[in-house]
N, C-alpha and C. Protein backbone atom coordinates (compact mmCIF):
# COMPACT_ATOMS: atom_id res chain seq x y z
N UNK A 1 50.67 99.31 70.90
CA UNK A 1 51.26 98.20 71.59
C UNK A 1 52.79 98.31 71.62
N UNK A 2 53.40 98.78 70.52
CA UNK A 2 54.85 98.93 70.47
C UNK A 2 55.31 99.98 71.49
N UNK A 3 54.50 101.03 71.68
CA UNK A 3 54.87 102.08 72.63
C UNK A 3 54.87 101.53 74.05
N UNK A 4 53.88 100.72 74.39
CA UNK A 4 53.81 100.15 75.73
C UNK A 4 55.01 99.24 75.97
N UNK A 5 55.35 98.43 75.00
CA UNK A 5 56.51 97.54 75.12
C UNK A 5 57.79 98.35 75.28
N UNK A 6 57.92 99.45 74.53
CA UNK A 6 59.11 100.30 74.62
C UNK A 6 59.19 100.96 75.99
N UNK A 7 58.07 101.45 76.48
CA UNK A 7 58.05 102.10 77.80
C UNK A 7 58.42 101.09 78.89
N UNK A 8 57.86 99.89 78.82
CA UNK A 8 58.19 98.86 79.80
C UNK A 8 59.66 98.47 79.74
N UNK A 9 60.20 98.34 78.55
CA UNK A 9 61.61 98.00 78.39
C UNK A 9 62.51 99.10 78.97
N UNK A 10 62.16 100.35 78.72
CA UNK A 10 62.94 101.47 79.25
C UNK A 10 62.85 101.52 80.78
N UNK A 11 61.66 101.27 81.31
CA UNK A 11 61.48 101.29 82.76
C UNK A 11 62.31 100.19 83.41
N UNK A 12 62.34 99.01 82.82
CA UNK A 12 63.12 97.91 83.36
C UNK A 12 64.62 98.23 83.31
N UNK A 13 65.06 98.80 82.20
CA UNK A 13 66.48 99.15 82.06
C UNK A 13 66.88 100.20 83.09
N UNK A 14 66.04 101.20 83.30
CA UNK A 14 66.35 102.23 84.29
C UNK A 14 66.35 101.66 85.70
N UNK A 15 65.44 100.75 85.98
CA UNK A 15 65.38 100.14 87.31
C UNK A 15 66.67 99.35 87.58
N UNK A 16 67.14 98.60 86.60
CA UNK A 16 68.36 97.81 86.77
C UNK A 16 69.57 98.73 86.92
N UNK A 17 69.70 99.72 86.07
CA UNK A 17 70.84 100.63 86.13
C UNK A 17 70.81 101.48 87.38
N UNK A 18 69.66 101.97 87.74
CA UNK A 18 69.53 102.82 88.93
C UNK A 18 69.86 102.07 90.20
N UNK A 19 69.43 100.83 90.32
CA UNK A 19 69.72 100.07 91.54
C UNK A 19 71.20 99.73 91.61
N UNK A 20 71.87 99.53 90.48
CA UNK A 20 73.30 99.26 90.49
C UNK A 20 74.09 100.45 90.99
N UNK A 21 73.70 101.63 90.59
CA UNK A 21 74.39 102.84 91.04
C UNK A 21 74.16 103.04 92.53
N UNK A 22 72.93 102.87 93.00
CA UNK A 22 72.64 103.05 94.42
C UNK A 22 73.36 102.00 95.26
N UNK A 23 73.47 100.80 94.77
CA UNK A 23 74.12 99.73 95.52
C UNK A 23 75.62 99.97 95.65
N UNK A 24 76.20 100.82 94.80
CA UNK A 24 77.64 101.07 94.84
C UNK A 24 78.02 102.04 95.95
N UNK A 25 77.07 102.63 96.65
CA UNK A 25 77.34 103.58 97.72
C UNK A 25 78.07 102.87 98.86
N UNK A 26 79.34 103.20 99.11
CA UNK A 26 80.11 102.47 100.10
C UNK A 26 79.65 102.71 101.54
N UNK A 27 78.97 103.82 101.80
CA UNK A 27 78.52 104.13 103.15
C UNK A 27 77.55 103.07 103.67
N UNK A 28 76.74 102.53 102.78
CA UNK A 28 75.73 101.54 103.17
C UNK A 28 76.19 100.10 102.98
N UNK A 29 77.42 99.90 102.60
CA UNK A 29 77.94 98.56 102.37
C UNK A 29 78.13 97.81 103.69
N UNK A 30 77.90 96.51 103.66
CA UNK A 30 78.13 95.68 104.85
C UNK A 30 79.61 95.63 105.20
N UNK A 31 80.48 95.89 104.23
CA UNK A 31 81.93 95.84 104.44
C UNK A 31 82.53 97.21 104.75
N UNK A 32 81.67 98.23 104.91
CA UNK A 32 82.17 99.60 105.09
C UNK A 32 82.96 99.75 106.39
N UNK A 33 84.11 100.39 106.27
CA UNK A 33 84.94 100.73 107.42
C UNK A 33 85.17 102.24 107.37
N UNK A 34 84.91 102.93 108.49
CA UNK A 34 85.05 104.37 108.56
C UNK A 34 86.33 104.73 109.29
N UNK A 35 87.03 105.75 108.77
CA UNK A 35 88.28 106.21 109.35
C UNK A 35 88.25 107.73 109.46
N UNK A 36 88.64 108.26 110.61
CA UNK A 36 88.83 109.70 110.75
C UNK A 36 90.29 109.97 110.48
N UNK A 37 90.56 110.84 109.50
CA UNK A 37 91.92 111.11 109.07
C UNK A 37 92.27 112.58 109.27
N UNK A 38 93.51 112.83 109.65
CA UNK A 38 94.02 114.19 109.74
C UNK A 38 95.26 114.27 108.87
N UNK A 39 95.26 115.19 107.93
CA UNK A 39 96.40 115.36 107.02
C UNK A 39 97.47 116.24 107.66
N UNK A 40 98.65 116.26 107.04
CA UNK A 40 99.76 117.07 107.54
C UNK A 40 99.40 118.55 107.63
N UNK A 41 98.51 119.00 106.74
CA UNK A 41 98.14 120.42 106.74
C UNK A 41 97.00 120.73 107.71
N UNK A 42 96.57 119.73 108.51
CA UNK A 42 95.54 119.96 109.51
C UNK A 42 94.12 119.67 109.05
N UNK A 43 93.91 119.44 107.76
CA UNK A 43 92.57 119.11 107.27
C UNK A 43 92.14 117.76 107.82
N UNK A 44 90.87 117.67 108.22
CA UNK A 44 90.33 116.43 108.75
C UNK A 44 89.23 115.91 107.85
N UNK A 45 89.21 114.59 107.66
CA UNK A 45 88.22 113.95 106.81
C UNK A 45 87.73 112.68 107.48
N UNK A 46 86.50 112.31 107.18
CA UNK A 46 86.02 110.97 107.49
C UNK A 46 85.94 110.25 106.17
N UNK A 47 86.58 109.10 106.10
CA UNK A 47 86.68 108.32 104.87
C UNK A 47 86.04 106.97 105.11
N UNK A 48 85.32 106.48 104.10
CA UNK A 48 84.76 105.13 104.17
C UNK A 48 85.44 104.30 103.09
N UNK A 49 85.86 103.10 103.47
CA UNK A 49 86.50 102.19 102.52
C UNK A 49 85.85 100.82 102.64
N UNK A 50 85.91 100.09 101.56
CA UNK A 50 85.34 98.74 101.55
C UNK A 50 86.43 97.71 101.23
N UNK A 51 87.63 97.99 101.66
CA UNK A 51 88.71 97.05 101.47
C UNK A 51 89.64 97.38 100.34
N UNK A 52 89.42 98.43 99.63
CA UNK A 52 90.30 98.79 98.52
C UNK A 52 90.57 100.28 98.47
N UNK A 53 91.44 100.67 97.60
CA UNK A 53 91.71 102.09 97.39
C UNK A 53 90.99 102.54 96.16
N UNK A 54 90.56 103.72 96.03
CA UNK A 54 90.62 104.78 97.03
C UNK A 54 89.47 104.69 98.02
N UNK A 55 89.60 105.40 99.11
CA UNK A 55 88.49 105.56 100.05
C UNK A 55 87.61 106.70 99.56
N UNK A 56 86.39 106.73 100.02
CA UNK A 56 85.46 107.79 99.63
C UNK A 56 85.30 108.76 100.80
N UNK A 57 85.41 110.05 100.52
CA UNK A 57 85.26 111.06 101.55
C UNK A 57 83.77 111.20 101.86
N UNK A 58 83.40 110.97 103.12
CA UNK A 58 82.00 111.02 103.54
C UNK A 58 81.49 112.45 103.39
N UNK A 59 80.30 112.59 102.81
CA UNK A 59 79.69 113.90 102.63
C UNK A 59 80.21 114.64 101.41
N UNK A 60 80.91 113.94 100.54
CA UNK A 60 81.52 114.54 99.37
C UNK A 60 81.49 113.54 98.23
N UNK A 61 81.76 114.01 97.03
CA UNK A 61 81.90 113.10 95.90
C UNK A 61 83.37 112.77 95.66
N UNK A 62 84.24 113.27 96.53
CA UNK A 62 85.67 113.08 96.36
C UNK A 62 86.16 111.73 96.85
N UNK A 63 87.35 111.37 96.40
CA UNK A 63 88.03 110.15 96.81
C UNK A 63 89.28 110.52 97.57
N UNK A 64 89.75 109.60 98.39
CA UNK A 64 90.96 109.79 99.17
C UNK A 64 91.93 108.70 98.77
N UNK A 65 93.07 109.10 98.20
CA UNK A 65 94.08 108.15 97.78
C UNK A 65 95.32 108.37 98.64
N UNK A 66 95.58 107.45 99.58
CA UNK A 66 96.70 107.66 100.49
C UNK A 66 98.05 107.48 99.80
N UNK A 67 99.02 108.27 100.23
CA UNK A 67 100.40 108.10 99.77
C UNK A 67 101.26 107.58 100.90
N UNK A 68 100.86 107.84 102.14
CA UNK A 68 101.50 107.28 103.31
C UNK A 68 100.53 107.38 104.48
N UNK A 69 100.76 106.58 105.51
CA UNK A 69 99.93 106.68 106.70
C UNK A 69 100.77 106.39 107.93
N UNK A 70 100.37 106.97 109.04
CA UNK A 70 101.00 106.72 110.32
C UNK A 70 99.92 106.25 111.27
N UNK A 71 100.15 105.11 111.89
CA UNK A 71 99.23 104.55 112.86
C UNK A 71 99.84 104.74 114.24
N UNK A 72 99.08 105.36 115.15
CA UNK A 72 99.56 105.58 116.50
C UNK A 72 98.53 104.99 117.46
N UNK A 73 98.96 104.04 118.29
CA UNK A 73 98.09 103.46 119.31
C UNK A 73 98.53 103.98 120.66
N UNK A 74 97.57 104.51 121.42
CA UNK A 74 97.88 105.04 122.75
C UNK A 74 97.05 104.34 123.81
N UNK A 75 97.59 104.28 125.01
CA UNK A 75 96.87 103.74 126.16
C UNK A 75 95.82 104.78 126.57
N UNK A 76 94.53 104.43 126.57
CA UNK A 76 93.51 105.42 126.89
C UNK A 76 93.58 105.92 128.33
N UNK A 77 94.18 105.14 129.23
CA UNK A 77 94.26 105.56 130.63
C UNK A 77 95.44 106.48 130.90
N UNK A 78 96.59 106.17 130.32
CA UNK A 78 97.80 106.95 130.61
C UNK A 78 98.20 107.91 129.50
N UNK A 79 97.72 107.65 128.27
CA UNK A 79 98.12 108.46 127.14
C UNK A 79 99.47 108.06 126.56
N UNK A 80 100.09 107.02 127.13
CA UNK A 80 101.38 106.54 126.63
C UNK A 80 101.22 105.97 125.22
N UNK A 81 102.20 106.25 124.36
CA UNK A 81 102.20 105.70 123.01
C UNK A 81 102.65 104.25 123.09
N UNK A 82 101.80 103.34 122.63
CA UNK A 82 102.10 101.92 122.65
C UNK A 82 102.73 101.46 121.34
N UNK A 83 102.36 102.11 120.25
CA UNK A 83 102.81 101.70 118.93
C UNK A 83 102.75 102.89 118.00
N UNK A 84 103.74 103.05 117.17
CA UNK A 84 103.75 104.10 116.15
C UNK A 84 104.43 103.54 114.91
N UNK A 85 103.70 103.46 113.81
CA UNK A 85 104.24 102.93 112.55
C UNK A 85 103.86 103.85 111.40
N UNK A 86 104.80 104.05 110.50
CA UNK A 86 104.54 104.81 109.27
C UNK A 86 104.71 103.89 108.09
N UNK A 87 103.74 103.94 107.17
CA UNK A 87 103.76 103.09 105.97
C UNK A 87 103.72 103.97 104.74
N UNK A 88 104.62 103.72 103.81
CA UNK A 88 104.60 104.41 102.52
C UNK A 88 103.82 103.54 101.54
N UNK A 89 102.88 104.15 100.85
CA UNK A 89 102.11 103.41 99.84
C UNK A 89 102.90 103.37 98.56
N UNK A 90 102.85 102.24 97.90
CA UNK A 90 103.55 102.09 96.62
C UNK A 90 102.78 102.86 95.56
N UNK A 91 103.46 103.73 94.86
CA UNK A 91 102.83 104.53 93.82
C UNK A 91 102.61 103.70 92.58
N UNK A 92 101.44 103.85 91.97
CA UNK A 92 101.12 103.11 90.76
C UNK A 92 102.12 103.48 89.66
N UNK A 93 102.64 102.47 88.99
CA UNK A 93 103.56 102.72 87.88
C UNK A 93 105.00 102.85 88.31
N UNK A 94 105.24 102.74 89.63
CA UNK A 94 106.62 102.82 90.13
C UNK A 94 107.00 101.51 90.77
N UNK A 95 108.23 101.16 90.67
CA UNK A 95 108.72 99.89 91.27
C UNK A 95 109.07 100.07 92.72
């Protein structure tokens, strides 16, 4: 009887822990936002974020921690640049 109780307790603990880990997957989150990013060195990534840093690199176990970003909005018909802004991210531990 003690073995059955132990097995049931272990199964319940694994079910709770396992579902918590699976639920943390940002790709399936209702708040997930996907971004296609191109770095200065030409590398391209798709990143998913749920409103905080770091973003998660899709198809990888890696994270993406931005240090700066440039947003460029263009007119899809003419190709004219409508807006261009660069933002420096505040580094942790620095004022």
